[in-house]
Amino acid sequence: NPAAIIGVPVGFVGAAEAKDLLSQKPIPSILT
């Protein structure tokens, strides 16, 4: 139950997908 996530992993395998999934969650987040 984190208070917030800063999710900016870099890369070609899974990075964009992981951040896209984060963007769909109600948790406060900053991402690229």
PDB file of all heavy atoms in Angstrom:
ATOM      1  N   ASN A   1       0.841  -1.197   0.000  1.00  0.00           N
ATOM      2  CA  ASN A   1       0.000   0.000   0.000  1.00  0.00           C
ATOM      3  C   ASN A   1       0.882   1.255   0.000  1.00  0.00           C
ATOM      4  O   ASN A   1       0.890   2.029   0.961  1.00  0.00           O
ATOM      5  CB  ASN A   1      -0.930   0.007   1.210  1.00  0.00           C
ATOM      6  CG  ASN A   1      -1.911   1.162   1.167  1.00  0.00           C
ATOM      7  OD1 ASN A   1      -2.316   1.607   0.093  1.00  0.00           O
ATOM      8  ND2 ASN A   1      -2.290   1.660   2.332  1.00  0.00           N
ATOM      9  N   PRO A   2       1.636   1.455  -1.071  1.00  0.00           N
ATOM     10  CA  PRO A   2       2.527   2.618  -1.115  1.00  0.00           C
ATOM     11  C   PRO A   2       1.754   3.925  -1.175  1.00  0.00           C
ATOM     12  O   PRO A   2       0.617   3.965  -1.664  1.00  0.00           O
ATOM     13  CB  PRO A   2       3.336   2.401  -2.397  1.00  0.00           C
ATOM     14  CG  PRO A   2       2.492   1.508  -3.239  1.00  0.00           C
ATOM     15  CD  PRO A   2       1.726   0.633  -2.295  1.00  0.00           C
ATOM     16  N   ALA A   3       2.374   4.980  -0.677  1.00  0.00           N
ATOM     17  CA  ALA A   3       1.748   6.298  -0.751  1.00  0.00           C
ATOM     18  C   ALA A   3       1.796   6.842  -2.170  1.00  0.00           C
ATOM     19  O   ALA A   3       0.886   7.560  -2.603  1.00  0.00           O
ATOM     20  CB  ALA A   3       2.456   7.256   0.200  1.00  0.00           C
ATOM     21  N   ALA A   4       2.852   6.513  -2.886  1.00  0.00           N
ATOM     22  CA  ALA A   4       3.029   7.008  -4.253  1.00  0.00           C
ATOM     23  C   ALA A   4       4.149   6.236  -4.935  1.00  0.00           C
ATOM     24  O   ALA A   4       4.975   5.599  -4.280  1.00  0.00           O
ATOM     25  CB  ALA A   4       3.352   8.497  -4.248  1.00  0.00           C
ATOM     26  N   ILE A   5       4.150   6.314  -6.262  1.00  0.00           N
ATOM     27  CA  ILE A   5       5.186   5.657  -7.060  1.00  0.00           C
ATOM     28  C   ILE A   5       5.750   6.651  -8.070  1.00  0.00           C
ATOM     29  O   ILE A   5       4.995   7.333  -8.769  1.00  0.00           O
ATOM     30  CB  ILE A   5       4.629   4.432  -7.813  1.00  0.00           C
ATOM     31  CG1 ILE A   5       4.097   3.382  -6.838  1.00  0.00           C
ATOM     32  CG2 ILE A   5       5.706   3.817  -8.715  1.00  0.00           C
ATOM     33  CD1 ILE A   5       3.371   2.231  -7.517  1.00  0.00           C
ATOM     34  N   ILE A   6       7.061   6.727  -8.121  1.00  0.00           N
ATOM     35  CA  ILE A   6       7.744   7.394  -9.232  1.00  0.00           C
ATOM     36  C   ILE A   6       8.258   6.273 -10.122  1.00  0.00           C
ATOM     37  O   ILE A   6       9.168   5.534  -9.755  1.00  0.00           O
ATOM     38  CB  ILE A   6       8.890   8.290  -8.736  1.00  0.00           C
ATOM     39  CG1 ILE A   6       8.320   9.441  -7.890  1.00  0.00           C
ATOM     40  CG2 ILE A   6       9.697   8.840  -9.913  1.00  0.00           C
ATOM     41  CD1 ILE A   6       9.368  10.296  -7.216  1.00  0.00           C
ATOM     42  N   GLY A   7       7.626   6.102 -11.263  1.00  0.00           N
ATOM     43  CA  GLY A   7       7.922   4.961 -12.130  1.00  0.00           C
ATOM     44  C   GLY A   7       8.482   5.417 -13.464  1.00  0.00           C
ATOM     45  O   GLY A   7       7.720   5.788 -14.365  1.00  0.00           O
ATOM     46  N   VAL A   8       9.806   5.399 -13.576  1.00  0.00           N
ATOM     47  CA  VAL A   8      10.439   5.843 -14.820  1.00  0.00           C
ATOM     48  C   VAL A   8      11.495   4.839 -15.295  1.00  0.00           C
ATOM     49  O   VAL A   8      12.596   5.226 -15.706  1.00  0.00           O
ATOM     50  CB  VAL A   8      11.055   7.250 -14.663  1.00  0.00           C
ATOM     51  CG1 VAL A   8       9.966   8.288 -14.511  1.00  0.00           C
ATOM     52  CG2 VAL A   8      12.007   7.321 -13.459  1.00  0.00           C
ATOM     53  N   PRO A   9      11.189   3.532 -15.270  1.00  0.00           N
ATOM     54  CA  PRO A   9      12.189   2.570 -15.742  1.00  0.00           C
ATOM     55  C   PRO A   9      12.495   2.790 -17.225  1.00  0.00           C
ATOM     56  O   PRO A   9      11.615   3.136 -18.008  1.00  0.00           O
ATOM     57  CB  PRO A   9      11.520   1.211 -15.499  1.00  0.00           C
ATOM     58  CG  PRO A   9      10.059   1.500 -15.472  1.00  0.00           C
ATOM     59  CD  PRO A   9       9.937   2.856 -14.864  1.00  0.00           C
ATOM     60  N   VAL A  10      13.753   2.566 -17.561  1.00  0.00           N
ATOM     61  CA  VAL A  10      14.213   2.787 -18.923  1.00  0.00           C
ATOM     62  C   VAL A  10      14.430   1.439 -19.602  1.00  0.00           C
ATOM     63  O   VAL A  10      14.763   0.460 -18.945  1.00  0.00           O
ATOM     64  CB  VAL A  10      15.536   3.592 -18.902  1.00  0.00           C
ATOM     65  CG1 VAL A  10      16.631   2.839 -18.168  1.00  0.00           C
ATOM     66  CG2 VAL A  10      15.996   3.956 -20.314  1.00  0.00           C
ATOM     67  N   GLY A  11      14.238   1.380 -20.901  1.00  0.00           N
ATOM     68  CA  GLY A  11      14.570   0.140 -21.592  1.00  0.00           C
ATOM     69  C   GLY A  11      13.654  -0.206 -22.735  1.00  0.00           C
ATOM     70  O   GLY A  11      12.688   0.499 -23.040  1.00  0.00           O
ATOM     71  N   PHE A  12      13.959  -1.351 -23.360  1.00  0.00           N
ATOM     72  CA  PHE A  12      13.241  -1.802 -24.551  1.00  0.00           C
ATOM     73  C   PHE A  12      12.307  -2.973 -24.277  1.00  0.00           C
ATOM     74  O   PHE A  12      11.454  -3.292 -25.097  1.00  0.00           O
ATOM     75  CB  PHE A  12      14.254  -2.194 -25.638  1.00  0.00           C
ATOM     76  CG  PHE A  12      15.062  -1.035 -26.137  1.00  0.00           C
ATOM     77  CD1 PHE A  12      16.306  -0.749 -25.599  1.00  0.00           C
ATOM     78  CD2 PHE A  12      14.573  -0.209 -27.135  1.00  0.00           C
ATOM     79  CE1 PHE A  12      17.054   0.324 -26.051  1.00  0.00           C
ATOM     80  CE2 PHE A  12      15.311   0.875 -27.604  1.00  0.00           C
ATOM     81  CZ  PHE A  12      16.551   1.137 -27.058  1.00  0.00           C
ATOM     82  N   VAL A  13      12.492  -3.630 -23.135  1.00  0.00           N
ATOM     83  CA  VAL A  13      11.662  -4.803 -22.820  1.00  0.00           C
ATOM     84  C   VAL A  13      10.881  -4.525 -21.538  1.00  0.00           C
ATOM     85  O   VAL A  13      11.436  -4.533 -20.441  1.00  0.00           O
ATOM     86  CB  VAL A  13      12.525  -6.072 -22.644  1.00  0.00           C
ATOM     87  CG1 VAL A  13      11.642  -7.267 -22.304  1.00  0.00           C
ATOM     88  CG2 VAL A  13      13.334  -6.353 -23.901  1.00  0.00           C
ATOM     89  N   GLY A  14       9.607  -4.238 -21.689  1.00  0.00           N
ATOM     90  CA  GLY A  14       8.729  -4.095 -20.534  1.00  0.00           C
ATOM     91  C   GLY A  14       8.640  -2.706 -19.936  1.00  0.00           C
ATOM     92  O   GLY A  14       7.738  -2.436 -19.145  1.00  0.00           O
ATOM     93  N   ALA A  15       9.546  -1.798 -20.289  1.00  0.00           N
ATOM     94  CA  ALA A  15       9.552  -0.481 -19.659  1.00  0.00           C
ATOM     95  C   ALA A  15       8.283   0.317 -19.989  1.00  0.00           C
ATOM     96  O   ALA A  15       7.603   0.814 -19.091  1.00  0.00           O
ATOM     97  CB  ALA A  15      10.793   0.299 -20.073  1.00  0.00           C
ATOM     98  N   ALA A  16       7.984   0.436 -21.268  1.00  0.00           N
ATOM     99  CA  ALA A  16       6.793   1.189 -21.670  1.00  0.00           C
ATOM    100  C   ALA A  16       5.531   0.519 -21.150  1.00  0.00           C
ATOM    101  O   ALA A  16       4.595   1.192 -20.688  1.00  0.00           O
ATOM    102  CB  ALA A  16       6.746   1.319 -23.190  1.00  0.00           C
ATOM    103  N   GLU A  17       5.518  -0.800 -21.183  1.00  0.00           N
ATOM    104  CA  GLU A  17       4.328  -1.538 -20.752  1.00  0.00           C
ATOM    105  C   GLU A  17       4.085  -1.391 -19.251  1.00  0.00           C
ATOM    106  O   GLU A  17       2.945  -1.224 -18.806  1.00  0.00           O
ATOM    107  CB  GLU A  17       4.480  -3.018 -21.112  1.00  0.00           C
ATOM    108  CG  GLU A  17       4.475  -3.314 -22.610  1.00  0.00           C
ATOM    109  CD  GLU A  17       5.822  -3.074 -23.288  1.00  0.00           C
ATOM    110  OE1 GLU A  17       6.782  -2.675 -22.601  1.00  0.00           O
ATOM    111  OE2 GLU A  17       5.914  -3.299 -24.512  1.00  0.00           O
ATOM    112  N   ALA A  18       5.153  -1.454 -18.469  1.00  0.00           N
ATOM    113  CA  ALA A  18       5.017  -1.315 -17.018  1.00  0.00           C
ATOM    114  C   ALA A  18       4.486   0.068 -16.657  1.00  0.00           C
ATOM    115  O   ALA A  18       3.620   0.218 -15.783  1.00  0.00           O
ATOM    116  CB  ALA A  18       6.361  -1.572 -16.339  1.00  0.00           C
ATOM    117  N   LYS A  19       4.982   1.089 -17.329  1.00  0.00           N
ATOM    118  CA  LYS A  19       4.541   2.448 -17.042  1.00  0.00           C
ATOM    119  C   LYS A  19       3.109   2.675 -17.516  1.00  0.00           C
ATOM    120  O   LYS A  19       2.343   3.400 -16.865  1.00  0.00           O
ATOM    121  CB  LYS A  19       5.511   3.446 -17.670  1.00  0.00           C
ATOM    122  CG  LYS A  19       6.859   3.466 -16.943  1.00  0.00           C
ATOM    123  CD  LYS A  19       7.850   4.417 -17.580  1.00  0.00           C
ATOM    124  CE  LYS A  19       8.464   3.849 -18.832  1.00  0.00           C
ATOM    125  NZ  LYS A  19       9.589   4.669 -19.331  1.00  0.00           N
ATOM    126  N   ASP A  20       2.754   2.056 -18.627  1.00  0.00           N
ATOM    127  CA  ASP A  20       1.367   2.161 -19.093  1.00  0.00           C
ATOM    128  C   ASP A  20       0.413   1.534 -18.079  1.00  0.00           C
ATOM    129  O   ASP A  20      -0.659   2.087 -17.798  1.00  0.00           O
ATOM    130  CB  ASP A  20       1.224   1.474 -20.451  1.00  0.00           C
ATOM    131  CG  ASP A  20      -0.181   1.603 -21.014  1.00  0.00           C
ATOM    132  OD1 ASP A  20      -0.633   2.746 -21.224  1.00  0.00           O
ATOM    133  OD2 ASP A  20      -0.837   0.569 -21.231  1.00  0.00           O
ATOM    134  N   LEU A  21       0.824   0.406 -17.509  1.00  0.00           N
ATOM    135  CA  LEU A  21       0.002  -0.243 -16.493  1.00  0.00           C
ATOM    136  C   LEU A  21      -0.122   0.636 -15.252  1.00  0.00           C
ATOM    137  O   LEU A  21      -1.208   0.769 -14.675  1.00  0.00           O
ATOM    138  CB  LEU A  21       0.607  -1.607 -16.122  1.00  0.00           C
ATOM    139  CG  LEU A  21      -0.185  -2.488 -15.155  1.00  0.00           C
ATOM    140  CD1 LEU A  21      -1.559  -2.806 -15.716  1.00  0.00           C
ATOM    141  CD2 LEU A  21       0.587  -3.780 -14.871  1.00  0.00           C
ATOM    142  N   LEU A  22       0.990   1.256 -14.837  1.00  0.00           N
ATOM    143  CA  LEU A  22       0.960   2.159 -13.692  1.00  0.00           C
ATOM    144  C   LEU A  22      -0.006   3.312 -13.928  1.00  0.00           C
ATOM    145  O   LEU A  22      -0.742   3.714 -13.016  1.00  0.00           O
ATOM    146  CB  LEU A  22       2.371   2.692 -13.424  1.00  0.00           C
ATOM    147  CG  LEU A  22       2.509   3.805 -12.365  1.00  0.00           C
ATOM    148  CD1 LEU A  22       2.001   3.330 -11.008  1.00  0.00           C
ATOM    149  CD2 LEU A  22       3.953   4.268 -12.273  1.00  0.00           C
ATOM    150  N   SER A  23      -0.014   3.834 -15.137  1.00  0.00           N
ATOM    151  CA  SER A  23      -0.872   4.986 -15.445  1.00  0.00           C
ATOM    152  C   SER A  23      -2.352   4.676 -15.294  1.00  0.00           C
ATOM    153  O   SER A  23      -3.172   5.587 -15.132  1.00  0.00           O
ATOM    154  CB  SER A  23      -0.592   5.488 -16.867  1.00  0.00           C
ATOM    155  OG  SER A  23      -1.088   4.574 -17.840  1.00  0.00           O
ATOM    156  N   GLN A  24      -2.702   3.398 -15.335  1.00  0.00           N
ATOM    157  CA  GLN A  24      -4.099   2.990 -15.221  1.00  0.00           C
ATOM    158  C   GLN A  24      -4.549   2.793 -13.772  1.00  0.00           C
ATOM    159  O   GLN A  24      -5.730   2.565 -13.510  1.00  0.00           O
ATOM    160  CB  GLN A  24      -4.314   1.688 -15.997  1.00  0.00           C
ATOM    161  CG  GLN A  24      -4.008   1.803 -17.481  1.00  0.00           C
ATOM    162  CD  GLN A  24      -4.008   0.447 -18.169  1.00  0.00           C
ATOM    163  OE1 GLN A  24      -4.775  -0.443 -17.817  1.00  0.00           O
ATOM    164  NE2 GLN A  24      -3.126   0.277 -19.154  1.00  0.00           N
ATOM    165  N   LYS A  25      -3.611   2.882 -12.832  1.00  0.00           N
ATOM    166  CA  LYS A  25      -3.917   2.639 -11.428  1.00  0.00           C
ATOM    167  C   LYS A  25      -4.280   3.951 -10.726  1.00  0.00           C
ATOM    168  O   LYS A  25      -3.805   5.025 -11.095  1.00  0.00           O
ATOM    169  CB  LYS A  25      -2.721   1.998 -10.727  1.00  0.00           C
ATOM    170  CG  LYS A  25      -2.234   0.698 -11.369  1.00  0.00           C
ATOM    171  CD  LYS A  25      -3.302  -0.370 -11.318  1.00  0.00           C
ATOM    172  CE  LYS A  25      -2.776  -1.673 -11.935  1.00  0.00           C
ATOM    173  NZ  LYS A  25      -3.818  -2.737 -11.949  1.00  0.00           N
ATOM    174  N   PRO A  26      -5.096   3.880  -9.677  1.00  0.00           N
ATOM    175  CA  PRO A  26      -5.508   5.102  -8.971  1.00  0.00           C
ATOM    176  C   PRO A  26      -4.448   5.679  -8.039  1.00  0.00           C
ATOM    177  O   PRO A  26      -4.657   6.723  -7.436  1.00  0.00           O
ATOM    178  CB  PRO A  26      -6.738   4.636  -8.177  1.00  0.00           C
ATOM    179  CG  PRO A  26      -6.514   3.176  -7.946  1.00  0.00           C
ATOM    180  CD  PRO A  26      -5.816   2.681  -9.179  1.00  0.00           C
ATOM    181  N   ILE A  27      -3.314   5.016  -7.891  1.00  0.00           N
ATOM    182  CA  ILE A  27      -2.274   5.489  -6.983  1.00  0.00           C
ATOM    183  C   ILE A  27      -1.615   6.770  -7.517  1.00  0.00           C
ATOM    184  O   ILE A  27      -1.431   6.901  -8.732  1.00  0.00           O
ATOM    185  CB  ILE A  27      -1.205   4.396  -6.755  1.00  0.00           C
ATOM    186  CG1 ILE A  27      -0.201   4.843  -5.684  1.00  0.00           C
ATOM    187  CG2 ILE A  27      -0.485   4.049  -8.056  1.00  0.00           C
ATOM    188  CD1 ILE A  27       0.682   3.743  -5.189  1.00  0.00           C
ATOM    189  N   PRO A  28      -1.260   7.708  -6.645  1.00  0.00           N
ATOM    190  CA  PRO A  28      -0.488   8.873  -7.095  1.00  0.00           C
ATOM    191  C   PRO A  28       0.823   8.430  -7.733  1.00  0.00           C
ATOM    192  O   PRO A  28       1.553   7.610  -7.159  1.00  0.00           O
ATOM    193  CB  PRO A  28      -0.240   9.651  -5.794  1.00  0.00           C
ATOM    194  CG  PRO A  28      -1.365   9.255  -4.893  1.00  0.00           C
ATOM    195  CD  PRO A  28      -1.623   7.808  -5.217  1.00  0.00           C
ATOM    196  N   SER A  29       1.116   8.954  -8.908  1.00  0.00           N
ATOM    197  CA  SER A  29       2.323   8.511  -9.609  1.00  0.00           C
ATOM    198  C   SER A  29       2.871   9.605 -10.512  1.00  0.00           C
ATOM    199  O   SER A  29       2.130  10.445 -11.025  1.00  0.00           O
ATOM    200  CB  SER A  29       2.044   7.249 -10.441  1.00  0.00           C
ATOM    201  OG  SER A  29       1.096   7.529 -11.464  1.00  0.00           O
ATOM    202  N   ILE A  30       4.186   9.566 -10.678  1.00  0.00           N
ATOM    203  CA  ILE A  30       4.871  10.363 -11.688  1.00  0.00           C
ATOM    204  C   ILE A  30       5.601   9.372 -12.570  1.00  0.00           C
ATOM    205  O   ILE A  30       6.315   8.495 -12.066  1.00  0.00           O
ATOM    206  CB  ILE A  30       5.871  11.356 -11.065  1.00  0.00           C
ATOM    207  CG1 ILE A  30       5.143  12.340 -10.130  1.00  0.00           C
ATOM    208  CG2 ILE A  30       6.612  12.134 -12.161  1.00  0.00           C
ATOM    209  CD1 ILE A  30       6.079  13.283  -9.392  1.00  0.00           C
ATOM    210  N   LEU A  31       5.408   9.466 -13.881  1.00  0.00           N
ATOM    211  CA  LEU A  31       5.994   8.477 -14.788  1.00  0.00           C
ATOM    212  C   LEU A  31       6.354   9.115 -16.113  1.00  0.00           C
ATOM    213  O   LEU A  31       5.983  10.258 -16.390  1.00  0.00           O
ATOM    214  CB  LEU A  31       5.024   7.317 -14.985  1.00  0.00           C
ATOM    215  CG  LEU A  31       3.621   7.666 -15.504  1.00  0.00           C
ATOM    216  CD1 LEU A  31       3.561   7.541 -17.019  1.00  0.00           C
ATOM    217  CD2 LEU A  31       2.568   6.750 -14.882  1.00  0.00           C
ATOM    218  N   THR A  32       7.089   8.374 -16.897  1.00  0.00           N
ATOM    219  CA  THR A  32       7.372   8.776 -18.269  1.00  0.00           C
ATOM    220  C   THR A  32       6.705   7.780 -19.201  1.00  0.00           C
ATOM    221  O   THR A  32       6.776   6.570 -18.969  1.00  0.00           O
ATOM    222  CB  THR A  32       8.888   8.778 -18.560  1.00  0.00           C
ATOM    223  OG1 THR A  32       9.461   7.532 -18.123  1.00  0.00           O
ATOM    224  CG2 THR A  32       9.575   9.925 -17.847  1.00  0.00           C
TER     225      THR A  32
END
